[in-house]
């Protein structure tokens, strides 16, 4: 996972001019670089944290970064389910979104179901 900070507007420090917004580019876990997220604090939304996936045009709000991230994760899974249920009705854009989210969900599922290479757990007793 990587983080890159970007200033919108001028390249001056945020204290120099009001209204500049700090954006963090964050790779979505398990996306293998296919999806990224942008996270920032919004002055317009009463200081809430906004996180979005530009590839899907999806944004979520939260009072903190963990809350916004959790809401985004939940929204992505819900959106994936809706796309999957309505596959026959999707436009080209919807099919592209479904392909991206299918790869992401499969990565999560494979990570959750892969066996540990460490070996069997052994209980220690006295």
C-alpha atoms as a PDB file:
ATOM      1  CA  UNK A   1       0.000   0.000   0.000  1.00  0.00           C
ATOM      2  CA  UNK A   2       1.308   3.454  -0.820  1.00  0.00           C
ATOM      3  CA  UNK A   3       0.350   6.982   0.090  1.00  0.00           C
ATOM      4  CA  UNK A   4       1.045  10.064  -1.991  1.00  0.00           C
ATOM      5  CA  UNK A   5       0.069  13.539  -0.833  1.00  0.00           C
ATOM      6  CA  UNK A   6      -1.139  16.050  -3.417  1.00  0.00           C
ATOM      7  CA  UNK A   7      -2.133  19.684  -2.970  1.00  0.00           C
ATOM      8  CA  UNK A   8      -5.017  21.012  -5.007  1.00  0.00           C
ATOM      9  CA  UNK A   9      -4.526  24.560  -6.144  1.00  0.00           C
ATOM     10  CA  UNK A  10      -1.191  26.266  -5.625  1.00  0.00           C
ATOM     11  CA  UNK A  11       1.934  24.493  -4.475  1.00  0.00           C
ATOM     12  CA  UNK A  12       2.197  26.760  -1.435  1.00  0.00           C
ATOM     13  CA  UNK A  13       1.796  25.403   2.078  1.00  0.00           C
ATOM     14  CA  UNK A  14      -1.795  24.953   3.302  1.00  0.00           C
ATOM     15  CA  UNK A  15      -1.271  27.674   5.888  1.00  0.00           C
ATOM     16  CA  UNK A  16      -0.397  30.220   3.202  1.00  0.00           C
ATOM     17  CA  UNK A  17      -3.823  30.245   1.563  1.00  0.00           C
ATOM     18  CA  UNK A  18      -7.177  29.129   2.923  1.00  0.00           C
ATOM     19  CA  UNK A  19      -9.206  26.674   0.861  1.00  0.00           C
ATOM     20  CA  UNK A  20      -6.392  24.357  -0.187  1.00  0.00           C
ATOM     21  CA  UNK A  21      -7.286  20.715   0.272  1.00  0.00           C
ATOM     22  CA  UNK A  22      -4.814  17.953   1.089  1.00  0.00           C
ATOM     23  CA  UNK A  23      -5.493  14.755  -0.837  1.00  0.00           C
ATOM     24  CA  UNK A  24      -4.007  11.356  -0.046  1.00  0.00           C
ATOM     25  CA  UNK A  25      -3.777   8.807  -2.860  1.00  0.00           C
ATOM     26  CA  UNK A  26      -4.134   5.357  -1.338  1.00  0.00           C
ATOM     27  CA  UNK A  27      -4.046   2.009  -3.138  1.00  0.00           C
ATOM     28  CA  UNK A  28      -7.034  -0.104  -2.202  1.00  0.00           C
ATOM     29  CA  UNK A  29      -5.954  -3.290  -0.399  1.00  0.00           C
ATOM     30  CA  UNK A  30      -6.239  -6.472  -2.493  1.00  0.00           C
ATOM     31  CA  UNK A  31      -6.794  -4.487  -5.710  1.00  0.00           C
ATOM     32  CA  UNK A  32      -3.381  -5.293  -7.199  1.00  0.00           C
ATOM     33  CA  UNK A  33      -3.137  -1.694  -8.407  1.00  0.00           C
ATOM     34  CA  UNK A  34      -6.420  -1.780 -10.374  1.00  0.00           C
ATOM     35  CA  UNK A  35      -8.272   0.493  -7.948  1.00  0.00           C
ATOM     36  CA  UNK A  36      -7.096   3.444  -5.922  1.00  0.00           C
ATOM     37  CA  UNK A  37      -8.747   5.705  -3.396  1.00  0.00           C
ATOM     38  CA  UNK A  38      -8.409   9.403  -2.711  1.00  0.00           C
ATOM     39  CA  UNK A  39      -8.988  10.648   0.820  1.00  0.00           C
ATOM     40  CA  UNK A  40      -9.338  14.232   2.032  1.00  0.00           C
ATOM     41  CA  UNK A  41     -10.996  16.351   4.698  1.00  0.00           C
ATOM     42  CA  UNK A  42     -13.826  18.480   3.349  1.00  0.00           C
ATOM     43  CA  UNK A  43     -14.426  21.993   4.643  1.00  0.00           C
ATOM     44  CA  UNK A  44     -17.761  22.073   2.803  1.00  0.00           C
ATOM     45  CA  UNK A  45     -19.008  18.912   4.547  1.00  0.00           C
ATOM     46  CA  UNK A  46     -18.402  20.233   8.077  1.00  0.00           C
ATOM     47  CA  UNK A  47     -14.883  18.814   8.290  1.00  0.00           C
ATOM     48  CA  UNK A  48     -15.863  15.263   7.396  1.00  0.00           C
ATOM     49  CA  UNK A  49     -13.378  12.904   5.773  1.00  0.00           C
ATOM     50  CA  UNK A  50     -14.224  12.078   2.169  1.00  0.00           C
ATOM     51  CA  UNK A  51     -12.875   8.972   0.459  1.00  0.00           C
ATOM     52  CA  UNK A  52     -13.551   8.031  -3.131  1.00  0.00           C
ATOM     53  CA  UNK A  53     -12.587   5.608  -5.872  1.00  0.00           C
ATOM     54  CA  UNK A  54     -12.039   7.652  -9.057  1.00  0.00           C
ATOM     55  CA  UNK A  55     -12.215   4.590 -11.321  1.00  0.00           C
ATOM     56  CA  UNK A  56     -15.810   3.996 -10.163  1.00  0.00           C
ATOM     57  CA  UNK A  57     -16.923   7.556  -9.361  1.00  0.00           C
ATOM     58  CA  UNK A  58     -17.888   6.455  -5.848  1.00  0.00           C
ATOM     59  CA  UNK A  59     -17.440   8.636  -2.715  1.00  0.00           C
ATOM     60  CA  UNK A  60     -18.233   8.133   0.972  1.00  0.00           C
ATOM     61  CA  UNK A  61     -18.084  10.394   4.037  1.00  0.00           C
ATOM     62  CA  UNK A  62     -17.123   9.748   7.631  1.00  0.00           C
ATOM     63  CA  UNK A  63     -16.159  11.591  10.805  1.00  0.00           C
ATOM     64  CA  UNK A  64     -12.720   9.895  10.777  1.00  0.00           C
ATOM     65  CA  UNK A  65     -10.467   8.121   8.287  1.00  0.00           C
ATOM     66  CA  UNK A  66     -11.321   4.632   9.614  1.00  0.00           C
ATOM     67  CA  UNK A  67     -15.054   5.376   9.457  1.00  0.00           C
ATOM     68  CA  UNK A  68     -14.848   6.743   5.913  1.00  0.00           C
ATOM     69  CA  UNK A  69     -12.717   3.767   4.854  1.00  0.00           C
ATOM     70  CA  UNK A  70     -15.180   1.292   6.361  1.00  0.00           C
ATOM     71  CA  UNK A  71     -18.096   3.016   4.644  1.00  0.00           C
ATOM     72  CA  UNK A  72     -16.234   2.886   1.331  1.00  0.00           C
ATOM     73  CA  UNK A  73     -15.460  -0.822   1.789  1.00  0.00           C
ATOM     74  CA  UNK A  74     -19.146  -1.508   2.562  1.00  0.00           C
ATOM     75  CA  UNK A  75     -20.321   0.579  -0.391  1.00  0.00           C
ATOM     76  CA  UNK A  76     -17.944  -1.210  -2.770  1.00  0.00           C
ATOM     77  CA  UNK A  77     -19.240  -4.610  -1.679  1.00  0.00           C
ATOM     78  CA  UNK A  78     -22.861  -3.450  -1.978  1.00  0.00           C
ATOM     79  CA  UNK A  79     -22.198  -1.945  -5.433  1.00  0.00           C
ATOM     80  CA  UNK A  80     -20.516  -5.188  -6.516  1.00  0.00           C
ATOM     81  CA  UNK A  81     -23.571  -7.178  -5.393  1.00  0.00           C
ATOM     82  CA  UNK A  82     -25.931  -4.870  -7.295  1.00  0.00           C
ATOM     83  CA  UNK A  83     -23.840  -5.079 -10.459  1.00  0.00           C
ATOM     84  CA  UNK A  84     -23.646  -8.854 -10.197  1.00  0.00           C
ATOM     85  CA  UNK A  85     -27.434  -9.198  -9.704  1.00  0.00           C
ATOM     86  CA  UNK A  86     -28.209  -6.972 -12.704  1.00  0.00           C
ATOM     87  CA  UNK A  87     -25.476  -8.211 -15.037  1.00  0.00           C
ATOM     88  CA  UNK A  88     -27.811  -8.620 -18.024  1.00  0.00           C
ATOM     89  CA  UNK A  89     -28.942  -4.973 -17.819  1.00  0.00           C
ATOM     90  CA  UNK A  90     -25.482  -3.354 -17.538  1.00  0.00           C
ATOM     91  CA  UNK A  91     -24.052  -0.789 -19.929  1.00  0.00           C
ATOM     92  CA  UNK A  92     -20.420  -0.937 -21.062  1.00  0.00           C
ATOM     93  CA  UNK A  93     -19.494   1.261 -18.107  1.00  0.00           C
ATOM     94  CA  UNK A  94     -21.298  -1.071 -15.688  1.00  0.00           C
ATOM     95  CA  UNK A  95     -19.561  -4.111 -17.172  1.00  0.00           C
ATOM     96  CA  UNK A  96     -16.178  -2.409 -16.738  1.00  0.00           C
ATOM     97  CA  UNK A  97     -17.016  -1.624 -13.092  1.00  0.00           C
ATOM     98  CA  UNK A  98     -18.129  -5.223 -12.548  1.00  0.00           C
ATOM     99  CA  UNK A  99     -14.853  -6.532 -13.988  1.00  0.00           C
ATOM    100  CA  UNK A 100     -12.802  -4.279 -11.699  1.00  0.00           C
ATOM    101  CA  UNK A 101     -14.812  -5.185  -8.619  1.00  0.00           C
ATOM    102  CA  UNK A 102     -14.862  -8.905  -9.480  1.00  0.00           C
ATOM    103  CA  UNK A 103     -11.054  -8.960  -9.566  1.00  0.00           C
ATOM    104  CA  UNK A 104     -10.973  -7.052  -6.266  1.00  0.00           C
ATOM    105  CA  UNK A 105     -13.475  -9.363  -4.515  1.00  0.00           C
ATOM    106  CA  UNK A 106     -11.708 -12.481  -5.829  1.00  0.00           C
ATOM    107  CA  UNK A 107      -8.420 -11.169  -4.400  1.00  0.00           C
ATOM    108  CA  UNK A 108     -10.073 -10.679  -1.017  1.00  0.00           C
ATOM    109  CA  UNK A 109     -11.664 -14.140  -1.110  1.00  0.00           C
ATOM    110  CA  UNK A 110      -8.420 -15.851  -2.109  1.00  0.00           C
ATOM    111  CA  UNK A 111      -6.564 -14.053   0.661  1.00  0.00           C
ATOM    112  CA  UNK A 112      -9.143 -15.138   3.228  1.00  0.00           C
ATOM    113  CA  UNK A 113      -9.176 -18.761   2.089  1.00  0.00           C
ATOM    114  CA  UNK A 114      -5.478 -19.397   1.405  1.00  0.00           C
ATOM    115  CA  UNK A 115      -3.796 -21.841   3.725  1.00  0.00           C
ATOM    116  CA  UNK A 116      -1.053 -20.756   6.014  1.00  0.00           C
ATOM    117  CA  UNK A 117       2.401 -21.903   4.926  1.00  0.00           C
ATOM    118  CA  UNK A 118       3.637 -21.943   8.514  1.00  0.00           C
ATOM    119  CA  UNK A 119       2.069 -25.327   9.226  1.00  0.00           C
ATOM    120  CA  UNK A 120      -0.227 -26.789  11.801  1.00  0.00           C
ATOM    121  CA  UNK A 121      -0.864 -25.055  15.104  1.00  0.00           C
ATOM    122  CA  UNK A 122       0.293 -27.136  18.058  1.00  0.00           C
ATOM    123  CA  UNK A 123      -1.192 -26.672  21.515  1.00  0.00           C
ATOM    124  CA  UNK A 124       1.332 -26.464  24.341  1.00  0.00           C
ATOM    125  CA  UNK A 125       0.419 -27.929  27.708  1.00  0.00           C
ATOM    126  CA  UNK A 126       2.209 -28.218  31.018  1.00  0.00           C
END
